[in-house]
C-alpha atoms as a PDB file:
ATOM      1  CA  MET A   1      77.077  76.139  83.101  1.00  0.00           C
ATOM      2  CA  LYS A   2      78.318  77.879  86.241  1.00  0.00           C
ATOM      3  CA  CYS A   3      80.098  81.244  86.082  1.00  0.00           C
ATOM      4  CA  ALA A   4      81.455  83.713  88.627  1.00  0.00           C
ATOM      5  CA  LEU A   5      80.037  87.189  87.991  1.00  0.00           C
ATOM      6  CA  TYR A   6      82.266  89.955  89.335  1.00  0.00           C
ATOM      7  CA  TYR A   7      80.839  93.152  90.830  1.00  0.00           C
ATOM      8  CA  GLY A   8      83.755  93.886  93.173  1.00  0.00           C
ATOM      9  CA  ASN A   9      86.414  92.074  95.148  1.00  0.00           C
ATOM     10  CA  LYS A  10      83.892  91.389  97.909  1.00  0.00           C
ATOM     11  CA  ASP A  11      80.901  90.838  95.658  1.00  0.00           C
ATOM     12  CA  ILE A  12      81.308  87.831  93.375  1.00  0.00           C
ATOM     13  CA  ARG A  13      78.158  85.896  92.535  1.00  0.00           C
ATOM     14  CA  LEU A  14      77.835  82.389  91.123  1.00  0.00           C
ATOM     15  CA  ILE A  15      75.313  82.306  88.306  1.00  0.00           C
ATOM     16  CA  GLU A  16      74.050  79.910  85.665  1.00  0.00           C
ATOM     17  CA  LYS A  17      74.493  80.710  81.978  1.00  0.00           C
ATOM     18  CA  ASP A  18      73.875  78.778  78.794  1.00  0.00           C
ATOM     19  CA  ILE A  19      76.911  77.070  77.297  1.00  0.00           C
ATOM     20  CA  PRO A  20      77.989  79.314  74.400  1.00  0.00           C
ATOM     21  CA  LYS A  21      77.151  78.255  70.852  1.00  0.00           C
ATOM     22  CA  ILE A  22      80.024  78.341  68.371  1.00  0.00           C
ATOM     23  CA  SER A  23      80.162  79.233  64.683  1.00  0.00           C
ATOM     24  CA  GLY A  24      82.080  77.396  61.986  1.00  0.00           C
ATOM     25  CA  ASP A  25      85.308  79.259  62.732  1.00  0.00           C
ATOM     26  CA  GLU A  26      85.195  79.015  66.519  1.00  0.00           C
ATOM     27  CA  VAL A  27      86.118  76.602  69.300  1.00  0.00           C
ATOM     28  CA  LEU A  28      84.372  75.573  72.511  1.00  0.00           C
ATOM     29  CA  MET A  29      86.725  74.952  75.414  1.00  0.00           C
ATOM     30  CA  LYS A  30      86.063  73.229  78.723  1.00  0.00           C
ATOM     31  CA  VAL A  31      88.038  75.088  81.388  1.00  0.00           C
ATOM     32  CA  GLU A  32      90.099  72.859  83.665  1.00  0.00           C
ATOM     33  CA  ALA A  33      92.069  75.516  85.567  1.00  0.00           C
ATOM     34  CA  SER A  34      91.975  79.307  85.750  1.00  0.00           C
ATOM     35  CA  GLY A  35      94.378  81.548  87.685  1.00  0.00           C
ATOM     36  CA  ILE A  36      93.418  84.679  89.572  1.00  0.00           C
ATOM     37  CA  CYS A  37      95.637  87.490  88.318  1.00  0.00           C
ATOM     38  CA  GLY A  38      96.699  90.490  90.364  1.00  0.00           C
ATOM     39  CA  SER A  39      95.021  92.673  87.749  1.00  0.00           C
ATOM     40  CA  ASP A  40      91.702  90.913  88.450  1.00  0.00           C
ATOM     41  CA  VAL A  41      91.555  92.570  91.882  1.00  0.00           C
ATOM     42  CA  ILE A  42      92.244  96.151  90.694  1.00  0.00           C
ATOM     43  CA  GLU A  43      88.759  97.469  91.427  1.00  0.00           C
ATOM     44  CA  TRP A  44      89.165 100.963  89.939  1.00  0.00           C
ATOM     45  CA  TYR A  45      90.123  99.388  86.614  1.00  0.00           C
ATOM     46  CA  ARG A  46      86.912  97.300  86.571  1.00  0.00           C
ATOM     47  CA  ARG A  47      84.296  99.561  88.133  1.00  0.00           C
ATOM     48  CA  ASP A  48      82.924 100.995  84.876  1.00  0.00           C
ATOM     49  CA  LYS A  49      82.697  97.557  83.273  1.00  0.00           C
ATOM     50  CA  VAL A  50      80.988  95.468  85.954  1.00  0.00           C
ATOM     51  CA  PRO A  51      79.268  93.095  86.169  1.00  0.00           C
ATOM     52  CA  LEU A  52      81.432  90.781  84.114  1.00  0.00           C
ATOM     53  CA  VAL A  53      82.989  87.330  84.144  1.00  0.00           C
ATOM     54  CA  LEU A  54      86.725  87.743  84.715  1.00  0.00           C
ATOM     55  CA  GLY A  55      89.512  85.210  84.269  1.00  0.00           C
ATOM     56  CA  HIS A  56      92.146  85.196  81.534  1.00  0.00           C
ATOM     57  CA  GLU A  57      94.811  82.720  82.706  1.00  0.00           C
ATOM     58  CA  VAL A  58      93.122  79.572  81.479  1.00  0.00           C
ATOM     59  CA  SER A  59      93.856  76.060  80.320  1.00  0.00           C
ATOM     60  CA  GLY A  60      91.563  73.228  79.393  1.00  0.00           C
ATOM     61  CA  VAL A  61      90.303  70.903  76.689  1.00  0.00           C
ATOM     62  CA  ILE A  62      88.659  71.564  73.341  1.00  0.00           C
ATOM     63  CA  ILE A  63      85.307  69.805  73.312  1.00  0.00           C
ATOM     64  CA  GLU A  64      83.929  71.118  70.027  1.00  0.00           C
ATOM     65  CA  THR A  65      85.322  72.799  66.915  1.00  0.00           C
ATOM     66  CA  GLY A  66      83.522  74.639  64.136  1.00  0.00           C
ATOM     67  CA  LYS A  67      83.325  72.970  60.733  1.00  0.00           C
ATOM     68  CA  ASN A  68      85.988  75.302  59.294  1.00  0.00           C
ATOM     69  CA  VAL A  69      88.549  74.734  62.052  1.00  0.00           C
ATOM     70  CA  LYS A  70      91.169  72.288  60.781  1.00  0.00           C
ATOM     71  CA  GLN A  71      94.202  72.902  62.986  1.00  0.00           C
ATOM     72  CA  TYR A  72      92.548  71.797  66.248  1.00  0.00           C
ATOM     73  CA  LYS A  73      90.268  68.959  67.280  1.00  0.00           C
ATOM     74  CA  ALA A  74      88.121  67.841  70.179  1.00  0.00           C
ATOM     75  CA  GLY A  75      90.294  66.446  72.945  1.00  0.00           C
ATOM     76  CA  ASP A  76      93.236  68.798  72.401  1.00  0.00           C
ATOM     77  CA  ARG A  77      94.736  70.119  75.634  1.00  0.00           C
ATOM     78  CA  ILE A  78      95.269  73.869  75.278  1.00  0.00           C
ATOM     79  CA  CYS A  79      96.105  77.183  76.841  1.00  0.00           C
ATOM     80  CA  ALA A  80      94.173  80.084  75.340  1.00  0.00           C
ATOM     81  CA  ALA A  81      95.051  83.784  75.178  1.00  0.00           C
ATOM     82  CA  HIS A  82      92.173  86.201  75.799  1.00  0.00           C
ATOM     83  CA  HIS A  83      93.656  89.293  74.117  1.00  0.00           C
ATOM     84  CA  VAL A  84      95.155  88.590  70.699  1.00  0.00           C
ATOM     85  CA  PRO A  85      96.714  90.869  68.041  1.00  0.00           C
ATOM     86  CA  CYS A  86      95.736  91.227  64.413  1.00  0.00           C
ATOM     87  CA  ASN A  87      99.368  90.755  63.240  1.00  0.00           C
ATOM     88  CA  ILE A  88      98.882  93.050  60.233  1.00  0.00           C
ATOM     89  CA  CYS A  89      98.593  96.627  61.578  1.00  0.00           C
ATOM     90  CA  LYS A  90     101.345  99.227  62.004  1.00  0.00           C
ATOM     91  CA  TYR A  91     101.810  98.319  65.670  1.00  0.00           C
ATOM     92  CA  CYS A  92     102.085  94.584  65.007  1.00  0.00           C
ATOM     93  CA  LEU A  93     104.424  94.987  62.058  1.00  0.00           C
ATOM     94  CA  SER A  94     106.731  97.207  64.137  1.00  0.00           C
ATOM     95  CA  GLY A  95     106.973  94.603  66.910  1.00  0.00           C
ATOM     96  CA  HIS A  96     104.425  96.172  69.247  1.00  0.00           C
ATOM     97  CA  GLN A  97     101.663  93.573  68.967  1.00  0.00           C
ATOM     98  CA  THR A  98     100.540  94.180  72.532  1.00  0.00           C
ATOM     99  CA  VAL A  99      99.395  97.743  71.838  1.00  0.00           C
ATOM    100  CA  CYS A 100      97.502  96.741  68.691  1.00  0.00           C
ATOM    101  CA  GLU A 101      93.925  98.087  68.575  1.00  0.00           C
ATOM    102  CA  THR A 102      92.614  94.568  68.039  1.00  0.00           C
ATOM    103  CA  ILE A 103      94.237  93.223  71.201  1.00  0.00           C
ATOM    104  CA  ARG A 104      92.211  95.758  73.204  1.00  0.00           C
ATOM    105  CA  THR A 105      88.897  94.504  71.839  1.00  0.00           C
ATOM    106  CA  THR A 106      89.359  90.723  71.782  1.00  0.00           C
ATOM    107  CA  ASN A 107      88.316  88.427  74.621  1.00  0.00           C
ATOM    108  CA  PHE A 108      86.753  85.127  75.650  1.00  0.00           C
ATOM    109  CA  ASP A 109      83.034  84.494  75.888  1.00  0.00           C
ATOM    110  CA  PRO A 110      82.166  84.857  78.689  1.00  0.00           C
ATOM    111  CA  GLY A 111      85.435  84.750  80.748  1.00  0.00           C
ATOM    112  CA  GLY A 112      87.846  82.335  82.372  1.00  0.00           C
ATOM    113  CA  PHE A 113      85.907  81.899  85.599  1.00  0.00           C
ATOM    114  CA  SER A 114      83.278  79.800  83.891  1.00  0.00           C
ATOM    115  CA  GLU A 115      83.007  76.130  83.047  1.00  0.00           C
ATOM    116  CA  TYR A 116      83.068  76.642  79.276  1.00  0.00           C
ATOM    117  CA  LEU A 117      84.480  79.272  76.922  1.00  0.00           C
ATOM    118  CA  ARG A 118      83.741  80.228  73.347  1.00  0.00           C
ATOM    119  CA  LEU A 119      86.958  81.177  71.568  1.00  0.00           C
ATOM    120  CA  PRO A 120      86.170  83.585  68.704  1.00  0.00           C
ATOM    121  CA  GLU A 121      87.723  83.137  65.259  1.00  0.00           C
ATOM    122  CA  ILE A 122      90.634  85.536  65.822  1.00  0.00           C
ATOM    123  CA  ASN A 123      91.470  83.842  69.144  1.00  0.00           C
ATOM    124  CA  VAL A 124      91.478  80.501  67.360  1.00  0.00           C
ATOM    125  CA  LYS A 125      93.804  81.941  64.728  1.00  0.00           C
ATOM    126  CA  ASN A 126      96.204  83.835  67.015  1.00  0.00           C
ATOM    127  CA  GLY A 127      95.660  82.686  70.581  1.00  0.00           C
ATOM    128  CA  ILE A 128      95.615  78.903  71.102  1.00  0.00           C
ATOM    129  CA  TYR A 129      98.677  76.989  72.325  1.00  0.00           C
ATOM    130  CA  LEU A 130      98.727  73.203  72.494  1.00  0.00           C
ATOM    131  CA  LEU A 131      99.832  71.863  75.868  1.00  0.00           C
ATOM    132  CA  PRO A 132     102.286  68.957  75.854  1.00  0.00           C
ATOM    133  CA  ASP A 133     101.226  66.048  78.064  1.00  0.00           C
ATOM    134  CA  SER A 134     104.116  66.909  80.382  1.00  0.00           C
ATOM    135  CA  VAL A 135     102.585  70.331  81.176  1.00  0.00           C
ATOM    136  CA  SER A 136      99.683  70.167  83.626  1.00  0.00           C
ATOM    137  CA  PHE A 137      96.573  72.315  83.326  1.00  0.00           C
ATOM    138  CA  GLU A 138      97.677  74.175  86.458  1.00  0.00           C
ATOM    139  CA  GLU A 139     101.054  74.943  84.889  1.00  0.00           C
ATOM    140  CA  GLY A 140      99.248  75.988  81.719  1.00  0.00           C
ATOM    141  CA  THR A 141      97.587  78.864  83.566  1.00  0.00           C
ATOM    142  CA  PHE A 142     101.034  80.450  83.979  1.00  0.00           C
ATOM    143  CA  ILE A 143     101.732  80.732  80.252  1.00  0.00           C
ATOM    144  CA  GLU A 144      99.955  84.089  79.930  1.00  0.00           C
ATOM    145  CA  PRO A 145     101.542  85.799  82.966  1.00  0.00           C
ATOM    146  CA  LEU A 146     104.968  84.397  82.121  1.00  0.00           C
ATOM    147  CA  ALA A 147     104.561  85.639  78.539  1.00  0.00           C
ATOM    148  CA  CYS A 148     104.068  89.149  79.941  1.00  0.00           C
ATOM    149  CA  VAL A 149     107.324  88.777  81.887  1.00  0.00           C
ATOM    150  CA  VAL A 150     109.195  87.432  78.863  1.00  0.00           C
ATOM    151  CA  ARG A 151     108.062  90.398  76.796  1.00  0.00           C
ATOM    152  CA  GLY A 152     109.043  92.948  79.430  1.00  0.00           C
ATOM    153  CA  GLN A 153     112.546  91.586  79.800  1.00  0.00           C
ATOM    154  CA  ARG A 154     112.966  91.212  76.046  1.00  0.00           C
ATOM    155  CA  LEU A 155     112.023  94.848  75.500  1.00  0.00           C
ATOM    156  CA  ALA A 156     114.354  95.859  78.329  1.00  0.00           C
ATOM    157  CA  GLY A 157     117.232  94.046  76.640  1.00  0.00           C
ATOM    158  CA  VAL A 158     118.184  91.971  79.688  1.00  0.00           C
ATOM    159  CA  LYS A 159     121.606  90.346  79.189  1.00  0.00           C
ATOM    160  CA  PRO A 160     123.169  87.346  80.966  1.00  0.00           C
ATOM    161  CA  ALA A 161     125.781  89.417  82.821  1.00  0.00           C
ATOM    162  CA  ASP A 162     123.293  91.998  84.136  1.00  0.00           C
ATOM    163  CA  THR A 163     122.673  92.883  87.745  1.00  0.00           C
ATOM    164  CA  ALA A 164     118.915  93.180  88.113  1.00  0.00           C
ATOM    165  CA  ILE A 165     116.664  94.459  90.885  1.00  0.00           C
ATOM    166  CA  VAL A 166     113.046  93.326  91.120  1.00  0.00           C
ATOM    167  CA  LEU A 167     110.933  95.548  93.350  1.00  0.00           C
ATOM    168  CA  GLY A 168     107.858  93.614  94.422  1.00  0.00           C
ATOM    169  CA  SER A 169     107.994  89.868  95.101  1.00  0.00           C
ATOM    170  CA  GLY A 170     104.433  88.933  94.363  1.00  0.00           C
ATOM    171  CA  LEU A 171     103.646  86.447  91.613  1.00  0.00           C
ATOM    172  CA  SER A 172     104.826  88.672  88.743  1.00  0.00           C
ATOM    173  CA  GLY A 173     107.988  89.586  90.640  1.00  0.00           C
ATOM    174  CA  LEU A 174     108.770  85.919  91.244  1.00  0.00           C
ATOM    175  CA  LEU A 175     108.218  85.129  87.579  1.00  0.00           C
ATOM    176  CA  HIS A 176     110.660  87.922  86.722  1.00  0.00           C
ATOM    177  CA  ILE A 177     113.192  86.530  89.197  1.00  0.00           C
ATOM    178  CA  SER A 178     112.789  83.001  87.841  1.00  0.00           C
ATOM    179  CA  PHE A 179     113.201  84.140  84.245  1.00  0.00           C
ATOM    180  CA  LEU A 180     116.221  86.270  85.143  1.00  0.00           C
ATOM    181  CA  ARG A 181     117.782  83.194  86.736  1.00  0.00           C
ATOM    182  CA  ALA A 182     116.979  81.068  83.692  1.00  0.00           C
ATOM    183  CA  ALA A 183     118.497  83.752  81.436  1.00  0.00           C
ATOM    184  CA  GLY A 184     121.729  83.785  83.440  1.00  0.00           C
ATOM    185  CA  ALA A 185     121.567  87.171  85.163  1.00  0.00           C
ATOM    186  CA  SER A 186     124.724  87.834  87.156  1.00  0.00           C
ATOM    187  CA  ARG A 187     123.100  89.153  90.332  1.00  0.00           C
ATOM    188  CA  ILE A 188     119.396  89.224  91.194  1.00  0.00           C
ATOM    189  CA  ILE A 189     118.191  91.466  94.011  1.00  0.00           C
ATOM    190  CA  ALA A 190     114.616  91.219  95.326  1.00  0.00           C
ATOM    191  CA  VAL A 191     112.861  93.928  97.332  1.00  0.00           C
ATOM    192  CA  ASP A 192     109.502  93.680  99.112  1.00  0.00           C
ATOM    193  CA  ILE A 193     107.820  94.672 102.383  1.00  0.00           C
ATOM    194  CA  ASN A 194     106.747  91.107 103.191  1.00  0.00           C
ATOM    195  CA  ASP A 195     109.357  88.759 104.679  1.00  0.00           C
ATOM    196  CA  LYS A 196     107.457  85.668 103.518  1.00  0.00           C
ATOM    197  CA  ARG A 197     107.566  86.882  99.936  1.00  0.00           C
ATOM    198  CA  LEU A 198     111.257  87.587 100.251  1.00  0.00           C
ATOM    199  CA  GLU A 199     111.694  83.960 101.318  1.00  0.00           C
ATOM    200  CA  TYR A 200     109.879  82.970  98.122  1.00  0.00           C
ATOM    201  CA  ALA A 201     112.172  85.288  96.167  1.00  0.00           C
ATOM    202  CA  LYS A 202     115.216  83.437  97.519  1.00  0.00           C
ATOM    203  CA  LYS A 203     113.599  80.106  96.660  1.00  0.00           C
ATOM    204  CA  PHE A 204     112.978  81.122  93.060  1.00  0.00           C
ATOM    205  CA  GLY A 205     116.391  82.571  92.318  1.00  0.00           C
ATOM    206  CA  ALA A 206     117.167  85.857  94.082  1.00  0.00           C
ATOM    207  CA  ASP A 207     120.761  86.187  95.280  1.00  0.00           C
ATOM    208  CA  TYR A 208     119.996  89.036  97.697  1.00  0.00           C
ATOM    209  CA  THR A 209     116.795  90.198  99.371  1.00  0.00           C
ATOM    210  CA  PHE A 210     115.961  93.450 101.151  1.00  0.00           C
ATOM    211  CA  ASN A 211     112.850  94.451 103.098  1.00  0.00           C
ATOM    212  CA  ALA A 212     111.677  97.847 101.874  1.00  0.00           C
ATOM    213  CA  LYS A 213     110.506  98.708 105.387  1.00  0.00           C
ATOM    214  CA  ASP A 214     114.178  99.147 106.221  1.00  0.00           C
ATOM    215  CA  PHE A 215     114.540 101.962 103.678  1.00  0.00           C
ATOM    216  CA  SER A 216     114.787 105.376 105.231  1.00  0.00           C
ATOM    217  CA  ALA A 217     116.754 107.514 102.835  1.00  0.00           C
ATOM    218  CA  GLY A 218     117.996 110.738 104.351  1.00  0.00           C
ATOM    219  CA  SER A 219     117.377 109.753 107.953  1.00  0.00           C
ATOM    220  CA  GLY A 220     120.296 107.455 108.593  1.00  0.00           C
ATOM    221  CA  GLY A 221     118.355 104.284 107.784  1.00  0.00           C
ATOM    222  CA  PHE A 222     118.911 101.590 105.173  1.00  0.00           C
ATOM    223  CA  ASN A 223     119.876 102.974 101.762  1.00  0.00           C
ATOM    224  CA  LEU A 224     119.090 100.705  98.808  1.00  0.00           C
ATOM    225  CA  PRO A 225     121.397 102.346  96.232  1.00  0.00           C
ATOM    226  CA  GLU A 226     124.358 102.090  98.604  1.00  0.00           C
ATOM    227  CA  ALA A 227     123.525  98.467  99.398  1.00  0.00           C
ATOM    228  CA  ILE A 228     123.503  97.707  95.666  1.00  0.00           C
ATOM    229  CA  LYS A 229     126.899  99.321  95.192  1.00  0.00           C
ATOM    230  CA  ASP A 230     128.268  97.237  98.070  1.00  0.00           C
ATOM    231  CA  ILE A 231     127.345  93.980  96.355  1.00  0.00           C
ATOM    232  CA  ASN A 232     127.854  95.116  92.751  1.00  0.00           C
ATOM    233  CA  GLU A 233     131.456  96.294  92.667  1.00  0.00           C
ATOM    234  CA  GLY A 234     130.526  99.938  93.153  1.00  0.00           C
ATOM    235  CA  PHE A 235     127.859 100.084  90.443  1.00  0.00           C
ATOM    236  CA  LEU A 236     124.124 100.524  90.617  1.00  0.00           C
ATOM    237  CA  ALA A 237     121.837  98.033  88.830  1.00  0.00           C
ATOM    238  CA  ASP A 238     121.796  97.460  85.075  1.00  0.00           C
ATOM    239  CA  ILE A 239     118.088  96.652  85.109  1.00  0.00           C
ATOM    240  CA  VAL A 240     115.394  97.731  87.573  1.00  0.00           C
ATOM    241  CA  ILE A 241     112.055  95.908  87.254  1.00  0.00           C
ATOM    242  CA  LEU A 242     109.108  97.526  89.000  1.00  0.00           C
ATOM    243  CA  SER A 243     106.626  94.742  89.737  1.00  0.00           C
ATOM    244  CA  THR A 244     104.767  97.013  92.121  1.00  0.00           C
ATOM    245  CA  GLY A 245     103.179 100.360  91.489  1.00  0.00           C
ATOM    246  CA  ALA A 246     103.890 101.789  94.936  1.00  0.00           C
ATOM    247  CA  ASP A 247     105.224 105.352  94.687  1.00  0.00           C
ATOM    248  CA  SER A 248     107.976 104.642  97.204  1.00  0.00           C
ATOM    249  CA  ALA A 249     109.166 101.606  95.236  1.00  0.00           C
ATOM    250  CA  ILE A 250     109.240 103.559  91.981  1.00  0.00           C
ATOM    251  CA  LEU A 251     111.299 106.332  93.529  1.00  0.00           C
ATOM    252  CA  GLN A 252     113.706 103.784  95.028  1.00  0.00           C
ATOM    253  CA  GLY A 253     113.983 102.093  91.646  1.00  0.00           C
ATOM    254  CA  LEU A 254     114.839 105.322  89.870  1.00  0.00           C
ATOM    255  CA  LYS A 255     117.622 105.927  92.382  1.00  0.00           C
ATOM    256  CA  SER A 256     118.975 102.403  91.977  1.00  0.00           C
ATOM    257  CA  VAL A 257     119.707 102.209  88.238  1.00  0.00           C
ATOM    258  CA  ARG A 258     123.181 102.919  86.864  1.00  0.00           C
ATOM    259  CA  ARG A 259     123.980 105.409  84.116  1.00  0.00           C
ATOM    260  CA  GLY A 260     122.951 103.822  80.835  1.00  0.00           C
ATOM    261  CA  GLY A 261     120.672 101.368  82.630  1.00  0.00           C
ATOM    262  CA  THR A 262     116.976 100.585  82.189  1.00  0.00           C
ATOM    263  CA  VAL A 263     113.935 100.854  84.446  1.00  0.00           C
ATOM    264  CA  LEU A 264     111.018  98.629  83.413  1.00  0.00           C
ATOM    265  CA  PHE A 265     107.595  99.758  84.622  1.00  0.00           C
ATOM    266  CA  PHE A 266     105.715  96.463  84.857  1.00  0.00           C
ATOM    267  CA  GLY A 267     103.189  96.681  87.713  1.00  0.00           C
ATOM    268  CA  ALA A 268     100.090  98.879  87.634  1.00  0.00           C
ATOM    269  CA  ALA A 269     100.089 101.898  89.957  1.00  0.00           C
ATOM    270  CA  ASP A 270      97.198 103.237  91.986  1.00  0.00           C
ATOM    271  CA  GLU A 271      94.513 105.197  90.156  1.00  0.00           C
ATOM    272  CA  GLY A 272      95.701 108.693  89.314  1.00  0.00           C
ATOM    273  CA  ALA A 273      99.252 108.068  90.566  1.00  0.00           C
ATOM    274  CA  ARG A 274     101.788 110.747  89.601  1.00  0.00           C
ATOM    275  CA  LEU A 275     105.517 111.017  90.151  1.00  0.00           C
ATOM    276  CA  PRO A 276     107.479 114.106  91.179  1.00  0.00           C
ATOM    277  CA  LEU A 277     110.544 113.692  88.963  1.00  0.00           C
ATOM    278  CA  SER A 278     113.511 115.960  88.527  1.00  0.00           C
ATOM    279  CA  ILE A 279     114.218 115.833  84.803  1.00  0.00           C
ATOM    280  CA  ASN A 280     117.833 116.906  85.259  1.00  0.00           C
ATOM    281  CA  GLU A 281     118.507 114.480  88.097  1.00  0.00           C
ATOM    282  CA  ILE A 282     116.954 111.482  86.364  1.00  0.00           C
ATOM    283  CA  PHE A 283     117.758 112.057  82.695  1.00  0.00           C
ATOM    284  CA  TRP A 284     120.373 114.692  82.006  1.00  0.00           C
ATOM    285  CA  ARG A 285     123.774 113.075  81.518  1.00  0.00           C
ATOM    286  CA  THR A 286     122.508 109.642  82.635  1.00  0.00           C
ATOM    287  CA  GLU A 287     121.248 107.971  79.410  1.00  0.00           C
ATOM    288  CA  ILE A 288     118.733 106.050  81.542  1.00  0.00           C
ATOM    289  CA  THR A 289     115.892 104.351  79.675  1.00  0.00           C
ATOM    290  CA  LEU A 290     112.411 104.303  81.226  1.00  0.00           C
ATOM    291  CA  LEU A 291     110.389 101.532  79.600  1.00  0.00           C
ATOM    292  CA  SER A 292     106.903 100.077  79.925  1.00  0.00           C
ATOM    293  CA  SER A 293     105.522  96.780  78.715  1.00  0.00           C
ATOM    294  CA  TYR A 294     102.050  95.320  78.500  1.00  0.00           C
ATOM    295  CA  ALA A 295     100.778  91.780  77.911  1.00  0.00           C
ATOM    296  CA  GLY A 296     102.568  89.251  75.693  1.00  0.00           C
ATOM    297  CA  SER A 297     102.810  88.586  71.971  1.00  0.00           C
ATOM    298  CA  ILE A 298     102.406  85.229  70.236  1.00  0.00           C
ATOM    299  CA  LEU A 299     106.182  84.744  70.354  1.00  0.00           C
ATOM    300  CA  ASP A 300     106.205  85.526  74.080  1.00  0.00           C
ATOM    301  CA  HIS A 301     103.488  82.943  74.752  1.00  0.00           C
ATOM    302  CA  LYS A 302     105.385  80.295  72.806  1.00  0.00           C
ATOM    303  CA  THR A 303     108.575  81.141  74.690  1.00  0.00           C
ATOM    304  CA  ALA A 304     106.749  80.980  78.037  1.00  0.00           C
ATOM    305  CA  LEU A 305     105.299  77.583  77.184  1.00  0.00           C
ATOM    306  CA  GLU A 306     108.754  76.238  76.315  1.00  0.00           C
ATOM    307  CA  LEU A 307     110.262  77.656  79.522  1.00  0.00           C
ATOM    308  CA  ILE A 308     107.613  75.819  81.538  1.00  0.00           C
ATOM    309  CA  ARG A 309     107.820  72.613  79.484  1.00  0.00           C
ATOM    310  CA  SER A 310     111.590  72.440  79.817  1.00  0.00           C
ATOM    311  CA  GLY A 311     111.487  73.134  83.554  1.00  0.00           C
ATOM    312  CA  ARG A 312     113.690  76.211  83.221  1.00  0.00           C
ATOM    313  CA  VAL A 313     111.004  78.186  85.034  1.00  0.00           C
ATOM    314  CA  ASN A 314     109.357  76.314  87.893  1.00  0.00           C
ATOM    315  CA  VAL A 315     105.785  77.556  88.191  1.00  0.00           C
ATOM    316  CA  LYS A 316     104.033  74.689  89.945  1.00  0.00           C
ATOM    317  CA  ASP A 317     105.750  75.519  93.243  1.00  0.00           C
ATOM    318  CA  MET A 318     104.325  79.042  93.036  1.00  0.00           C
ATOM    319  CA  ILE A 319     100.791  77.711  93.520  1.00  0.00           C
ATOM    320  CA  THR A 320      99.761  78.258  97.135  1.00  0.00           C
ATOM    321  CA  ASP A 321      95.985  77.806  96.898  1.00  0.00           C
ATOM    322  CA  ARG A 322      93.700  75.566  94.845  1.00  0.00           C
ATOM    323  CA  LEU A 323      89.990  76.266  95.140  1.00  0.00           C
ATOM    324  CA  PRO A 324      86.770  75.127  93.459  1.00  0.00           C
ATOM    325  CA  LEU A 325      84.684  77.710  91.621  1.00  0.00           C
ATOM    326  CA  LYS A 326      82.215  77.876  94.502  1.00  0.00           C
ATOM    327  CA  ASP A 327      84.996  79.292  96.709  1.00  0.00           C
ATOM    328  CA  ILE A 328      86.213  81.905  94.248  1.00  0.00           C
ATOM    329  CA  ALA A 329      85.319  84.749  96.635  1.00  0.00           C
ATOM    330  CA  LYS A 330      87.926  83.380  99.045  1.00  0.00           C
ATOM    331  CA  GLY A 331      90.432  83.295  96.186  1.00  0.00           C
ATOM    332  CA  PHE A 332      89.833  86.961  95.427  1.00  0.00           C
ATOM    333  CA  GLU A 333      90.219  87.799  99.107  1.00  0.00           C
ATOM    334  CA  LEU A 334      93.563  85.996  99.286  1.00  0.00           C
ATOM    335  CA  THR A 335      94.812  87.651  96.092  1.00  0.00           C
ATOM    336  CA  ALA A 336      93.708  91.139  97.127  1.00  0.00           C
ATOM    337  CA  LYS A 337      95.356  90.832 100.554  1.00  0.00           C
ATOM    338  CA  ALA A 338      98.681  89.964  98.870  1.00  0.00           C
ATOM    339  CA  GLN A 339     100.133  88.369 101.984  1.00  0.00           C
ATOM    340  CA  ASP A 340     101.253  84.728 102.139  1.00  0.00           C
ATOM    341  CA  SER A 341      99.311  83.543  99.092  1.00  0.00           C
ATOM    342  CA  LEU A 342     101.169  83.704  95.801  1.00  0.00           C
ATOM    343  CA  LYS A 343      99.005  82.073  93.174  1.00  0.00           C
ATOM    344  CA  VAL A 344      95.389  81.040  93.558  1.00  0.00           C
ATOM    345  CA  ILE A 345      94.134  78.540  90.997  1.00  0.00           C
ATOM    346  CA  ILE A 346      90.427  77.867  90.449  1.00  0.00           C
ATOM    347  CA  LYS A 347      89.929  74.188  89.586  1.00  0.00           C
ATOM    348  CA  PHE A 348      86.959  72.919  87.587  1.00  0.00           C
END
């Protein structure tokens, strides 16, 4: 079978590997579609692990099941989760499945950018989701990233009447905007430095958009907190979602949340990033909650699948590029540039 072996964003090599053999408790999946995630192009996060076959937003068809697997059969259309929790440890039992030790060690064999995948026993038990016929394989690749969004907003306690700001209108930001709209958020404000992405933000549910290049706090330029107050009856935002790790965006977000509000750190920052925070200014007498989230639990995946199936979150219109495996290097280039491309799907 063909696989894409990752050494770096500009060094991805197509290789041949044997189709994995499965045991009695495992499943062999033929990959039909695999999305390139923004985290796939974070080179510093991968450099000590390369070479490896990336790809974790996958959907496809089961072509073989082990003799002990009873709940699935050949021909089933599925989405598969690469990292799965044990569901029995202290973290899982306290509702924090996504920081479980097991979830950090589980994965596909060899990775989603290959023609076939072996799903280990624990992935079969806790990480397969049947796709209804009405959900395409391309849409199925969004279940994992949307599950991450669902979890973040659930932990943040987003409520229907909230005013929310999403800083960063890449794919994850647009998924946040779409889910906020589906959940009935009162006002949704999108911020980015790319006008094309702000157009996408409007398309997928933002009520207001601002280009971060216009921000110039302290020098008479555009002031995001004041703009929020102007459109939010004098209040800052209830929820700030940071879908970018840019220092400037984080600082703007911290200035844009109301007393008693929540800031969700969702996007990864640059390697070694640090923030110069005034503890008194940010926390004392403000009751602001700073929150992080990572990945998605089984419940979050099921919720994401239902949101896509029901059409409450439109993901198919977020796909801007469809490429065969042989052109995956181009897909990584488009994703790393983060310009007009939103979602690149590798088709098999």
